[in-house]
């Protein structure tokens, strides 16, 4: 089964092709918000480079957020269009799941956290993505001090505060581990059921700054 995955939920973005559980190609960029300019050309390039075509993609996969409002819309729009035109199913997952699944360590609590700005983070609570203040987030993990690993750009943005509250190990991962990747998304999608393109929606936890300012 061939799965094409697109991840543009933050300042980085990536595209990957997975064939029968193996990542055969991936493009990953960390060069600013140029997602809308690059997605379609890079999808076409990855298909060409691997001898594939749009028609033999079995499923598409996309990250619904939370993250950048603009970034999320770029991937969702592209994947919805591909899936609609080609009549293919779409697998959707969230940013926090991608981050956590990329770093699974036995005996260690791995927690995804995405910077929501304003001293707040996007995290999971009760299986759902929510927004918490960084102080509340740290307090909620205090019993796991020195036995927790925070993965996601929040570990970069709030490194000092998290380290003080949860131990230096909590923020010890290299920067490259703190960004969600399409290769992880495509691998997860192999065992996930796809849905019709019109069933997928972006995962927005709060209004955009522009919407809040207008209100």
N, C-alpha and C. Protein backbone atom coordinates (compact mmCIF):
# COMPACT_ATOMS: atom_id res chain seq x y z
N UNK A 1 0.84 -1.20 0.00
CA UNK A 1 0.00 0.00 0.00
C UNK A 1 0.87 1.25 0.00
N UNK A 2 0.60 2.16 -0.90
CA UNK A 2 1.35 3.41 -0.98
C UNK A 2 0.58 4.54 -0.31
N UNK A 3 1.26 5.22 0.58
CA UNK A 3 0.64 6.34 1.30
C UNK A 3 1.49 7.59 1.12
N UNK A 4 0.84 8.66 0.73
CA UNK A 4 1.51 9.95 0.61
C UNK A 4 1.05 10.84 1.76
N UNK A 5 2.01 11.32 2.54
CA UNK A 5 1.69 12.11 3.73
C UNK A 5 2.23 13.53 3.60
N UNK A 6 1.45 14.49 4.12
CA UNK A 6 1.84 15.90 4.09
C UNK A 6 1.71 16.46 5.50
N UNK A 7 2.77 17.11 6.00
CA UNK A 7 2.75 17.69 7.34
C UNK A 7 3.25 19.13 7.27
N UNK A 8 2.36 20.09 7.57
CA UNK A 8 2.72 21.51 7.50
C UNK A 8 2.18 22.29 8.69
N UNK A 9 2.09 21.65 9.85
CA UNK A 9 1.41 22.28 10.98
C UNK A 9 2.22 23.34 11.71
N UNK A 10 3.52 23.45 11.40
CA UNK A 10 4.35 24.44 12.07
C UNK A 10 5.27 25.16 11.11
N UNK A 11 6.40 25.63 11.61
CA UNK A 11 7.32 26.36 10.74
C UNK A 11 8.09 25.44 9.81
N UNK A 12 8.16 24.16 10.15
CA UNK A 12 8.76 23.18 9.25
C UNK A 12 7.65 22.51 8.45
N UNK A 13 8.03 21.88 7.37
CA UNK A 13 7.04 21.06 6.67
C UNK A 13 7.74 19.91 5.97
N UNK A 14 7.01 18.82 5.79
CA UNK A 14 7.58 17.64 5.17
C UNK A 14 6.54 16.88 4.38
N UNK A 15 7.05 16.11 3.41
CA UNK A 15 6.23 15.26 2.57
C UNK A 15 6.93 13.91 2.48
N UNK A 16 6.18 12.83 2.62
CA UNK A 16 6.80 11.51 2.59
C UNK A 16 5.94 10.51 1.84
N UNK A 17 6.62 9.53 1.26
CA UNK A 17 5.94 8.43 0.58
C UNK A 17 6.32 7.13 1.27
N UNK A 18 5.31 6.40 1.71
CA UNK A 18 5.52 5.13 2.39
C UNK A 18 4.92 4.02 1.53
N UNK A 19 5.71 2.99 1.28
CA UNK A 19 5.25 1.87 0.46
C UNK A 19 5.35 0.58 1.28
N UNK A 20 4.19 0.03 1.63
CA UNK A 20 4.11 -1.22 2.41
C UNK A 20 4.89 -1.15 3.71
N UNK A 21 4.78 -0.02 4.40
CA UNK A 21 5.40 0.13 5.71
C UNK A 21 6.81 0.67 5.70
N UNK A 22 7.35 0.96 4.53
CA UNK A 22 8.71 1.48 4.43
C UNK A 22 8.70 2.88 3.84
N UNK A 23 9.40 3.80 4.49
CA UNK A 23 9.54 5.15 3.95
C UNK A 23 10.53 5.10 2.79
N UNK A 24 10.04 5.37 1.59
CA UNK A 24 10.91 5.30 0.42
C UNK A 24 11.47 6.66 0.03
N UNK A 25 10.82 7.73 0.49
CA UNK A 25 11.32 9.08 0.21
C UNK A 25 10.66 10.08 1.14
N UNK A 26 11.42 11.12 1.50
CA UNK A 26 10.87 12.18 2.34
C UNK A 26 11.62 13.48 2.08
N UNK A 27 10.87 14.56 2.01
CA UNK A 27 11.45 15.90 1.96
C UNK A 27 11.09 16.60 3.26
N UNK A 28 12.09 17.19 3.90
CA UNK A 28 11.86 17.92 5.14
C UNK A 28 12.52 19.28 5.03
N UNK A 29 11.75 20.34 5.33
CA UNK A 29 12.27 21.70 5.21
C UNK A 29 12.05 22.49 6.49
N UNK A 30 13.07 23.23 6.86
CA UNK A 30 12.97 24.15 8.00
C UNK A 30 13.54 25.48 7.53
N UNK A 31 12.79 26.14 6.68
CA UNK A 31 13.30 27.37 6.06
C UNK A 31 12.21 28.44 5.95
N UNK A 32 11.37 28.51 6.98
CA UNK A 32 10.35 29.55 6.99
C UNK A 32 9.04 29.07 6.41
N UNK A 33 8.06 29.92 6.48
CA UNK A 33 6.71 29.56 6.05
C UNK A 33 6.54 29.73 4.54
N UNK A 34 7.05 28.74 3.80
CA UNK A 34 6.89 28.75 2.35
C UNK A 34 6.06 27.54 1.91
N UNK A 35 5.28 27.04 2.84
CA UNK A 35 4.53 25.80 2.61
C UNK A 35 3.66 25.85 1.35
N UNK A 36 2.87 26.90 1.21
CA UNK A 36 1.92 26.96 0.10
C UNK A 36 2.62 26.96 -1.26
N UNK A 37 3.84 27.49 -1.31
CA UNK A 37 4.58 27.54 -2.57
C UNK A 37 5.20 26.21 -2.93
N UNK A 38 5.47 25.38 -1.92
CA UNK A 38 6.28 24.19 -2.12
C UNK A 38 5.52 22.87 -2.13
N UNK A 39 4.34 22.82 -1.55
CA UNK A 39 3.66 21.54 -1.37
C UNK A 39 3.44 20.80 -2.69
N UNK A 40 2.74 21.41 -3.62
CA UNK A 40 2.42 20.72 -4.88
C UNK A 40 3.67 20.37 -5.68
N UNK A 41 4.62 21.30 -5.88
CA UNK A 41 5.85 20.94 -6.60
C UNK A 41 6.61 19.77 -5.95
N UNK A 42 6.64 19.74 -4.60
CA UNK A 42 7.37 18.67 -3.93
C UNK A 42 6.62 17.34 -3.97
N UNK A 43 5.30 17.38 -3.96
CA UNK A 43 4.52 16.16 -4.14
C UNK A 43 4.82 15.57 -5.52
N UNK A 44 4.83 16.42 -6.52
CA UNK A 44 5.11 15.94 -7.87
C UNK A 44 6.53 15.41 -7.99
N UNK A 45 7.47 16.07 -7.30
CA UNK A 45 8.86 15.62 -7.35
C UNK A 45 9.05 14.27 -6.66
N UNK A 46 8.41 14.10 -5.51
CA UNK A 46 8.58 12.84 -4.80
C UNK A 46 7.96 11.68 -5.57
N UNK A 47 6.87 11.95 -6.27
CA UNK A 47 6.26 10.92 -7.11
C UNK A 47 7.17 10.58 -8.29
N UNK A 48 7.71 11.60 -8.92
CA UNK A 48 8.60 11.39 -10.06
C UNK A 48 9.86 10.65 -9.65
N UNK A 49 10.46 11.08 -8.54
CA UNK A 49 11.72 10.48 -8.09
C UNK A 49 11.57 9.01 -7.70
N UNK A 50 10.38 8.62 -7.29
CA UNK A 50 10.15 7.24 -6.85
C UNK A 50 9.44 6.39 -7.91
N UNK A 51 9.23 6.97 -9.09
CA UNK A 51 8.57 6.24 -10.16
C UNK A 51 7.11 5.97 -9.88
N UNK A 52 6.50 6.83 -9.07
CA UNK A 52 5.09 6.67 -8.71
C UNK A 52 4.24 7.68 -9.47
N UNK A 53 2.95 7.63 -9.22
CA UNK A 53 2.02 8.58 -9.83
C UNK A 53 0.89 8.84 -8.86
N UNK A 54 0.13 9.89 -9.11
CA UNK A 54 -1.02 10.17 -8.26
C UNK A 54 -1.98 8.98 -8.23
N UNK A 55 -2.17 8.37 -9.39
CA UNK A 55 -3.16 7.31 -9.52
C UNK A 55 -2.84 6.08 -8.67
N UNK A 56 -1.55 5.76 -8.43
CA UNK A 56 -1.28 4.56 -7.65
C UNK A 56 -1.03 4.82 -6.16
N UNK A 57 -1.39 6.02 -5.70
CA UNK A 57 -1.41 6.28 -4.26
C UNK A 57 -2.70 5.69 -3.69
N UNK A 58 -2.58 4.85 -2.67
CA UNK A 58 -3.75 4.19 -2.09
C UNK A 58 -4.45 5.04 -1.05
N UNK A 59 -3.66 5.78 -0.25
CA UNK A 59 -4.23 6.65 0.78
C UNK A 59 -3.37 7.90 0.92
N UNK A 60 -4.03 8.96 1.29
CA UNK A 60 -3.31 10.19 1.65
C UNK A 60 -3.38 10.35 3.16
N UNK A 61 -2.41 11.05 3.71
CA UNK A 61 -2.40 11.28 5.16
C UNK A 61 -2.03 12.74 5.42
N UNK A 62 -2.66 13.30 6.44
CA UNK A 62 -2.42 14.72 6.74
C UNK A 62 -2.49 14.94 8.25
N UNK A 63 -1.70 15.91 8.71
CA UNK A 63 -1.74 16.31 10.11
C UNK A 63 -2.72 17.47 10.26
N UNK A 64 -3.67 17.34 11.18
CA UNK A 64 -4.73 18.33 11.32
C UNK A 64 -4.42 19.43 12.32
N UNK A 65 -3.24 19.36 12.98
CA UNK A 65 -2.90 20.32 14.01
C UNK A 65 -2.95 19.65 15.38
N UNK A 66 -2.84 20.41 16.44
CA UNK A 66 -2.78 21.88 16.50
C UNK A 66 -1.42 22.41 16.05
N UNK A 67 -1.43 23.73 15.75
CA UNK A 67 -0.21 24.39 15.30
C UNK A 67 -0.54 25.69 14.62
N UNK A 68 0.19 25.99 13.57
CA UNK A 68 -0.01 27.21 12.82
C UNK A 68 -1.32 27.15 12.02
N UNK A 69 -2.16 28.16 12.16
CA UNK A 69 -3.43 28.18 11.43
C UNK A 69 -3.18 28.11 9.93
N UNK A 70 -2.27 28.94 9.43
CA UNK A 70 -1.99 28.97 8.00
C UNK A 70 -1.37 27.66 7.54
N UNK A 71 -0.41 27.15 8.30
CA UNK A 71 0.23 25.90 7.93
C UNK A 71 -0.74 24.75 7.84
N UNK A 72 -1.61 24.63 8.82
CA UNK A 72 -2.60 23.56 8.83
C UNK A 72 -3.48 23.62 7.60
N UNK A 73 -3.92 24.82 7.24
CA UNK A 73 -4.80 24.98 6.09
C UNK A 73 -4.13 24.55 4.79
N UNK A 74 -2.83 24.81 4.67
CA UNK A 74 -2.10 24.46 3.45
C UNK A 74 -2.18 22.95 3.18
N UNK A 75 -1.81 22.16 4.19
CA UNK A 75 -1.82 20.71 4.01
C UNK A 75 -3.23 20.16 3.84
N UNK A 76 -4.16 20.66 4.64
CA UNK A 76 -5.54 20.17 4.56
C UNK A 76 -6.13 20.43 3.18
N UNK A 77 -5.90 21.63 2.66
CA UNK A 77 -6.43 21.98 1.34
C UNK A 77 -5.83 21.11 0.25
N UNK A 78 -4.51 20.92 0.29
CA UNK A 78 -3.83 20.13 -0.72
C UNK A 78 -4.31 18.67 -0.70
N UNK A 79 -4.33 18.08 0.48
CA UNK A 79 -4.71 16.67 0.59
C UNK A 79 -6.18 16.46 0.26
N UNK A 80 -7.03 17.37 0.69
CA UNK A 80 -8.45 17.26 0.33
C UNK A 80 -8.64 17.29 -1.18
N UNK A 81 -7.90 18.15 -1.84
CA UNK A 81 -8.01 18.27 -3.29
C UNK A 81 -7.54 16.99 -3.97
N UNK A 82 -6.38 16.48 -3.56
CA UNK A 82 -5.87 15.23 -4.13
C UNK A 82 -6.87 14.10 -3.95
N UNK A 83 -7.38 13.96 -2.72
CA UNK A 83 -8.28 12.86 -2.40
C UNK A 83 -9.60 12.96 -3.14
N UNK A 84 -10.11 14.18 -3.29
CA UNK A 84 -11.38 14.36 -4.00
C UNK A 84 -11.24 14.02 -5.48
N UNK A 85 -10.20 14.56 -6.10
CA UNK A 85 -10.00 14.34 -7.53
C UNK A 85 -9.74 12.87 -7.85
N UNK A 86 -8.98 12.20 -6.98
CA UNK A 86 -8.58 10.81 -7.23
C UNK A 86 -9.48 9.79 -6.55
N UNK A 87 -10.45 10.27 -5.77
CA UNK A 87 -11.38 9.39 -5.05
C UNK A 87 -10.62 8.42 -4.15
N UNK A 88 -9.72 8.97 -3.33
CA UNK A 88 -8.91 8.17 -2.41
C UNK A 88 -9.24 8.54 -0.96
N UNK A 89 -9.07 7.60 -0.02
CA UNK A 89 -9.33 7.89 1.39
C UNK A 89 -8.21 8.73 2.00
N UNK A 90 -8.53 9.38 3.11
CA UNK A 90 -7.56 10.22 3.83
C UNK A 90 -7.48 9.78 5.29
N UNK A 91 -6.26 9.68 5.78
CA UNK A 91 -6.02 9.40 7.20
C UNK A 91 -5.60 10.71 7.87
N UNK A 92 -6.19 10.99 9.02
CA UNK A 92 -5.89 12.23 9.74
C UNK A 92 -5.44 11.91 11.15
N UNK A 93 -4.40 12.59 11.59
CA UNK A 93 -3.99 12.49 12.99
C UNK A 93 -3.52 13.86 13.46
N UNK A 94 -3.15 13.95 14.74
CA UNK A 94 -2.79 15.25 15.29
C UNK A 94 -1.29 15.37 15.50
N UNK A 95 -0.83 16.59 15.64
CA UNK A 95 0.59 16.90 15.79
C UNK A 95 1.19 16.22 17.01
N UNK A 96 0.47 16.21 18.11
CA UNK A 96 0.99 15.66 19.36
C UNK A 96 1.24 14.16 19.24
N UNK A 97 0.36 13.46 18.57
CA UNK A 97 0.54 12.03 18.34
C UNK A 97 1.79 11.77 17.51
N UNK A 98 1.98 12.56 16.47
CA UNK A 98 3.17 12.39 15.61
C UNK A 98 4.45 12.57 16.42
N UNK A 99 4.48 13.58 17.25
CA UNK A 99 5.66 13.84 18.06
C UNK A 99 5.94 12.70 19.03
N UNK A 100 4.91 12.22 19.69
CA UNK A 100 5.07 11.17 20.70
C UNK A 100 5.43 9.83 20.07
N UNK A 101 4.85 9.49 18.94
CA UNK A 101 5.12 8.22 18.29
C UNK A 101 6.53 8.15 17.69
N UNK A 102 7.11 9.30 17.44
CA UNK A 102 8.46 9.33 16.88
C UNK A 102 9.52 9.03 17.92
N UNK A 103 9.16 9.15 19.21
CA UNK A 103 10.14 8.95 20.29
C UNK A 103 9.50 8.09 21.38
N UNK A 104 9.41 6.81 21.15
CA UNK A 104 8.85 5.90 22.14
C UNK A 104 9.98 5.19 22.87
N UNK A 105 10.10 5.42 24.18
CA UNK A 105 11.17 4.83 24.99
C UNK A 105 10.53 4.09 26.16
N UNK A 106 10.82 2.81 26.27
CA UNK A 106 10.22 1.98 27.31
C UNK A 106 10.59 2.49 28.70
N UNK A 107 9.60 2.59 29.55
CA UNK A 107 9.82 3.02 30.92
C UNK A 107 9.91 4.52 31.11
N UNK A 108 9.70 5.26 30.03
CA UNK A 108 9.80 6.72 30.11
C UNK A 108 8.52 7.35 29.58
N UNK A 109 8.03 8.34 30.27
CA UNK A 109 6.83 9.04 29.81
C UNK A 109 7.22 10.09 28.77
N UNK A 110 6.73 9.92 27.56
CA UNK A 110 7.01 10.87 26.49
C UNK A 110 5.76 11.71 26.26
N UNK A 111 5.92 13.02 26.34
CA UNK A 111 4.77 13.93 26.24
C UNK A 111 4.99 14.95 25.13
N UNK A 112 4.07 14.99 24.19
CA UNK A 112 4.14 15.98 23.12
C UNK A 112 3.62 17.32 23.61
N UNK A 113 4.30 18.39 23.24
CA UNK A 113 3.87 19.74 23.63
C UNK A 113 4.28 20.72 22.54
N UNK A 114 3.31 21.44 22.03
CA UNK A 114 3.53 22.41 20.96
C UNK A 114 3.32 23.82 21.50
N UNK A 115 4.24 24.71 21.19
CA UNK A 115 4.14 26.09 21.66
C UNK A 115 2.91 26.77 21.07
N UNK A 116 2.04 27.27 21.96
CA UNK A 116 0.85 28.00 21.52
C UNK A 116 1.02 29.51 21.71
N UNK A 117 2.26 29.91 22.06
CA UNK A 117 2.59 31.32 22.32
C UNK A 117 1.88 31.79 23.60
N UNK A 118 2.16 33.01 24.01
CA UNK A 118 1.53 33.60 25.21
C UNK A 118 1.74 32.76 26.48
N UNK A 119 2.88 32.05 26.56
CA UNK A 119 3.16 31.17 27.71
C UNK A 119 2.15 30.04 27.82
N UNK A 120 1.68 29.56 26.68
CA UNK A 120 0.74 28.45 26.66
C UNK A 120 1.24 27.36 25.71
N UNK A 121 0.75 26.14 25.94
CA UNK A 121 1.15 25.01 25.10
C UNK A 121 -0.07 24.18 24.73
N UNK A 122 0.03 23.53 23.56
CA UNK A 122 -0.96 22.54 23.16
C UNK A 122 -0.46 21.19 23.64
N UNK A 123 -1.29 20.48 24.38
CA UNK A 123 -0.93 19.16 24.91
C UNK A 123 -2.18 18.28 24.88
N UNK A 124 -1.99 17.02 25.23
CA UNK A 124 -3.12 16.11 25.32
C UNK A 124 -3.60 15.99 26.76
N UNK A 125 -4.89 15.92 26.89
CA UNK A 125 -5.51 15.70 28.20
C UNK A 125 -6.76 14.86 27.98
N UNK A 126 -6.79 13.68 28.59
CA UNK A 126 -7.93 12.80 28.37
C UNK A 126 -8.05 12.34 26.93
N UNK A 127 -6.92 12.26 26.25
CA UNK A 127 -6.93 11.80 24.87
C UNK A 127 -7.25 12.87 23.84
N UNK A 128 -7.49 14.10 24.31
CA UNK A 128 -7.82 15.20 23.40
C UNK A 128 -6.78 16.30 23.49
N UNK A 129 -6.62 17.02 22.41
CA UNK A 129 -5.70 18.15 22.39
C UNK A 129 -6.35 19.34 23.06
N UNK A 130 -5.63 19.93 24.02
CA UNK A 130 -6.14 21.09 24.76
C UNK A 130 -5.03 22.12 24.86
N UNK A 131 -5.37 23.26 25.40
CA UNK A 131 -4.37 24.30 25.61
C UNK A 131 -4.23 24.55 27.11
N UNK A 132 -2.97 24.63 27.58
CA UNK A 132 -2.69 24.87 28.99
C UNK A 132 -1.60 25.91 29.12
N UNK A 133 -1.58 26.60 30.23
CA UNK A 133 -0.45 27.49 30.50
C UNK A 133 0.77 26.61 30.73
N UNK A 134 1.94 27.14 30.46
CA UNK A 134 3.16 26.36 30.65
C UNK A 134 3.33 25.97 32.12
N UNK A 135 2.90 26.83 33.02
CA UNK A 135 3.00 26.51 34.45
C UNK A 135 2.09 25.33 34.83
N UNK A 136 0.88 25.36 34.31
CA UNK A 136 -0.06 24.27 34.58
C UNK A 136 0.44 22.96 33.99
N UNK A 137 1.01 23.05 32.79
CA UNK A 137 1.56 21.87 32.13
C UNK A 137 2.67 21.25 32.97
N UNK A 138 3.60 22.06 33.41
CA UNK A 138 4.71 21.56 34.23
C UNK A 138 4.21 20.95 35.54
N UNK A 139 3.25 21.62 36.15
CA UNK A 139 2.71 21.14 37.42
C UNK A 139 2.03 19.78 37.24
N UNK A 140 1.35 19.59 36.12
CA UNK A 140 0.63 18.34 35.88
C UNK A 140 1.57 17.15 35.72
N UNK A 141 2.84 17.43 35.42
CA UNK A 141 3.82 16.35 35.23
C UNK A 141 4.83 16.26 36.36
N UNK A 142 4.62 17.00 37.42
CA UNK A 142 5.60 17.08 38.51
C UNK A 142 5.92 15.72 39.12
N UNK A 143 4.95 14.82 39.17
CA UNK A 143 5.20 13.49 39.76
C UNK A 143 6.11 12.64 38.89
N UNK A 144 6.33 13.08 37.63
CA UNK A 144 7.19 12.33 36.72
C UNK A 144 8.57 12.99 36.57
N UNK A 145 8.90 13.88 37.48
CA UNK A 145 10.16 14.60 37.38
C UNK A 145 11.33 13.63 37.22
N UNK A 146 12.21 13.95 36.28
CA UNK A 146 13.38 13.14 35.93
C UNK A 146 13.04 11.82 35.24
N UNK A 147 11.74 11.62 34.96
CA UNK A 147 11.32 10.41 34.26
C UNK A 147 10.36 10.73 33.11
N UNK A 148 10.45 11.97 32.63
CA UNK A 148 9.58 12.41 31.54
C UNK A 148 10.42 13.09 30.47
N UNK A 149 9.98 12.94 29.24
CA UNK A 149 10.67 13.55 28.11
C UNK A 149 9.65 14.37 27.32
N UNK A 150 9.86 15.66 27.22
CA UNK A 150 8.95 16.53 26.49
C UNK A 150 9.46 16.65 25.05
N UNK A 151 8.60 16.36 24.10
CA UNK A 151 8.97 16.42 22.69
C UNK A 151 8.03 17.36 21.96
N UNK A 152 8.59 18.26 21.18
CA UNK A 152 7.81 19.29 20.51
C UNK A 152 8.49 20.63 20.71
N UNK A 153 8.11 21.62 19.90
CA UNK A 153 8.83 22.90 19.97
C UNK A 153 8.62 23.66 21.28
N UNK A 154 7.67 23.22 22.10
CA UNK A 154 7.51 23.83 23.43
C UNK A 154 8.74 23.54 24.29
N UNK A 155 9.40 22.41 24.03
CA UNK A 155 10.61 22.06 24.78
C UNK A 155 11.75 23.01 24.46
N UNK A 156 11.68 23.64 23.30
CA UNK A 156 12.68 24.64 22.90
C UNK A 156 12.28 26.01 23.46
N UNK A 157 11.02 26.37 23.25
CA UNK A 157 10.54 27.69 23.65
C UNK A 157 10.57 27.89 25.17
N UNK A 158 10.29 26.83 25.92
CA UNK A 158 10.21 26.94 27.38
C UNK A 158 11.22 26.02 28.06
N UNK A 159 12.38 25.88 27.46
CA UNK A 159 13.40 24.95 27.94
C UNK A 159 13.79 25.20 29.39
N UNK A 160 14.05 26.43 29.72
CA UNK A 160 14.49 26.76 31.09
C UNK A 160 13.43 26.41 32.12
N UNK A 161 12.20 26.80 31.84
CA UNK A 161 11.12 26.56 32.81
C UNK A 161 10.83 25.07 32.96
N UNK A 162 10.80 24.33 31.85
CA UNK A 162 10.52 22.90 31.91
C UNK A 162 11.66 22.16 32.62
N UNK A 163 12.89 22.55 32.31
CA UNK A 163 14.05 21.91 32.94
C UNK A 163 14.03 22.09 34.45
N UNK A 164 13.69 23.28 34.88
CA UNK A 164 13.65 23.56 36.32
C UNK A 164 12.56 22.77 37.01
N UNK A 165 11.41 22.62 36.35
CA UNK A 165 10.27 21.95 36.97
C UNK A 165 10.33 20.43 36.86
N UNK A 166 10.85 19.92 35.73
CA UNK A 166 10.78 18.48 35.46
C UNK A 166 12.14 17.79 35.34
N UNK A 167 13.22 18.56 35.44
CA UNK A 167 14.55 17.98 35.33
C UNK A 167 15.14 18.21 33.95
N UNK A 168 16.45 18.28 33.89
CA UNK A 168 17.13 18.59 32.63
C UNK A 168 16.88 17.54 31.55
N UNK A 169 16.68 16.29 31.96
CA UNK A 169 16.45 15.23 30.98
C UNK A 169 15.19 15.48 30.15
N UNK A 170 14.22 16.16 30.74
CA UNK A 170 12.94 16.40 30.06
C UNK A 170 13.10 17.18 28.77
N UNK A 171 14.16 17.98 28.67
CA UNK A 171 14.38 18.80 27.48
C UNK A 171 15.74 18.49 26.85
N UNK A 172 16.15 17.25 26.90
CA UNK A 172 17.48 16.86 26.44
C UNK A 172 17.57 16.43 24.98
N UNK A 173 16.44 16.28 24.30
CA UNK A 173 16.47 15.85 22.91
C UNK A 173 17.06 16.92 21.99
N UNK A 174 17.78 16.52 20.95
CA UNK A 174 18.26 17.48 19.95
C UNK A 174 17.06 18.16 19.26
N UNK A 175 17.29 19.33 18.72
CA UNK A 175 16.20 20.12 18.13
C UNK A 175 15.45 19.37 17.03
N UNK A 176 16.13 18.55 16.27
CA UNK A 176 15.49 17.87 15.13
C UNK A 176 14.35 16.95 15.55
N UNK A 177 14.35 16.51 16.82
CA UNK A 177 13.28 15.63 17.30
C UNK A 177 12.02 16.40 17.68
N UNK A 178 12.10 17.71 17.70
CA UNK A 178 10.97 18.50 18.18
C UNK A 178 10.02 18.98 17.09
N UNK A 179 10.17 18.41 15.89
CA UNK A 179 9.29 18.80 14.79
C UNK A 179 8.59 17.57 14.23
N UNK A 180 7.28 17.65 14.03
CA UNK A 180 6.54 16.51 13.47
C UNK A 180 7.00 16.24 12.03
N UNK A 181 7.00 14.98 11.65
CA UNK A 181 7.50 14.61 10.32
C UNK A 181 6.50 13.75 9.56
N UNK A 182 6.45 13.98 8.27
CA UNK A 182 5.52 13.25 7.41
C UNK A 182 5.83 11.76 7.35
N UNK A 183 7.10 11.39 7.53
CA UNK A 183 7.46 9.97 7.49
C UNK A 183 6.79 9.20 8.63
N UNK A 184 6.71 9.83 9.80
CA UNK A 184 6.03 9.20 10.94
C UNK A 184 4.53 9.11 10.64
N UNK A 185 3.98 10.17 10.10
CA UNK A 185 2.57 10.20 9.74
C UNK A 185 2.23 9.09 8.74
N UNK A 186 3.05 8.94 7.72
CA UNK A 186 2.80 7.92 6.70
C UNK A 186 2.88 6.52 7.28
N UNK A 187 3.83 6.30 8.19
CA UNK A 187 3.96 4.98 8.82
C UNK A 187 2.74 4.65 9.67
N UNK A 188 2.27 5.63 10.45
CA UNK A 188 1.08 5.42 11.27
C UNK A 188 -0.14 5.14 10.40
N UNK A 189 -0.21 5.82 9.26
CA UNK A 189 -1.38 5.71 8.38
C UNK A 189 -1.54 4.32 7.77
N UNK A 190 -0.46 3.54 7.75
CA UNK A 190 -0.56 2.18 7.20
C UNK A 190 -1.59 1.35 7.95
N UNK A 191 -1.73 1.60 9.23
CA UNK A 191 -2.65 0.81 10.06
C UNK A 191 -3.86 1.60 10.54
N UNK A 192 -4.13 2.71 9.87
CA UNK A 192 -5.28 3.53 10.23
C UNK A 192 -6.30 3.56 9.09
N UNK A 193 -7.54 3.56 9.45
CA UNK A 193 -8.60 3.58 8.44
C UNK A 193 -8.79 4.98 7.89
N UNK A 194 -8.84 5.09 6.58
CA UNK A 194 -9.06 6.37 5.94
C UNK A 194 -10.53 6.73 5.86
N UNK A 195 -10.80 8.00 5.67
CA UNK A 195 -12.17 8.49 5.53
C UNK A 195 -12.28 9.31 4.25
N UNK A 196 -13.48 9.66 3.90
CA UNK A 196 -13.69 10.49 2.72
C UNK A 196 -13.15 11.91 2.97
N UNK A 197 -12.72 12.57 1.91
CA UNK A 197 -12.10 13.89 2.05
C UNK A 197 -12.98 14.90 2.77
N UNK A 198 -14.30 14.80 2.60
CA UNK A 198 -15.19 15.79 3.21
C UNK A 198 -15.45 15.53 4.69
N UNK A 199 -14.83 14.50 5.24
CA UNK A 199 -15.00 14.18 6.66
C UNK A 199 -13.86 14.73 7.52
N UNK A 200 -12.82 15.25 6.90
CA UNK A 200 -11.67 15.72 7.68
C UNK A 200 -11.75 17.23 7.92
N UNK A 201 -11.34 17.61 9.11
CA UNK A 201 -11.38 19.01 9.50
C UNK A 201 -10.09 19.38 10.24
N UNK A 202 -9.66 20.64 10.12
CA UNK A 202 -8.47 21.08 10.87
C UNK A 202 -8.75 21.09 12.37
N UNK A 203 -7.71 20.87 13.17
CA UNK A 203 -7.86 20.85 14.62
C UNK A 203 -7.40 22.19 15.18
N UNK A 204 -8.36 23.09 15.35
CA UNK A 204 -8.08 24.40 15.92
C UNK A 204 -8.54 24.40 17.37
N UNK A 205 -7.65 24.71 18.29
CA UNK A 205 -7.99 24.73 19.71
C UNK A 205 -8.47 26.11 20.14
N UNK A 206 -7.96 27.13 19.50
CA UNK A 206 -8.38 28.51 19.80
C UNK A 206 -8.55 29.27 18.49
N UNK A 207 -9.18 30.43 18.60
CA UNK A 207 -9.29 31.29 17.43
C UNK A 207 -7.91 31.85 17.08
N UNK A 208 -7.74 32.23 15.81
CA UNK A 208 -6.50 32.88 15.41
C UNK A 208 -6.42 34.25 16.08
N UNK A 209 -5.21 34.81 16.14
CA UNK A 209 -5.06 36.13 16.74
C UNK A 209 -5.91 37.17 16.01
N UNK A 210 -6.01 37.05 14.69
CA UNK A 210 -6.79 38.01 13.91
C UNK A 210 -8.26 37.94 14.30
N UNK A 211 -8.78 36.70 14.49
CA UNK A 211 -10.17 36.54 14.87
C UNK A 211 -10.43 37.06 16.29
N UNK A 212 -9.49 36.81 17.19
CA UNK A 212 -9.67 37.30 18.56
C UNK A 212 -9.61 38.81 18.62
N UNK A 213 -8.71 39.39 17.84
CA UNK A 213 -8.59 40.85 17.82
C UNK A 213 -9.86 41.48 17.26
N UNK A 214 -10.43 40.86 16.24
CA UNK A 214 -11.65 41.37 15.64
C UNK A 214 -12.81 41.31 16.62
N UNK A 215 -12.83 40.18 17.40
CA UNK A 215 -13.89 40.05 18.40
C UNK A 215 -13.78 41.11 19.49
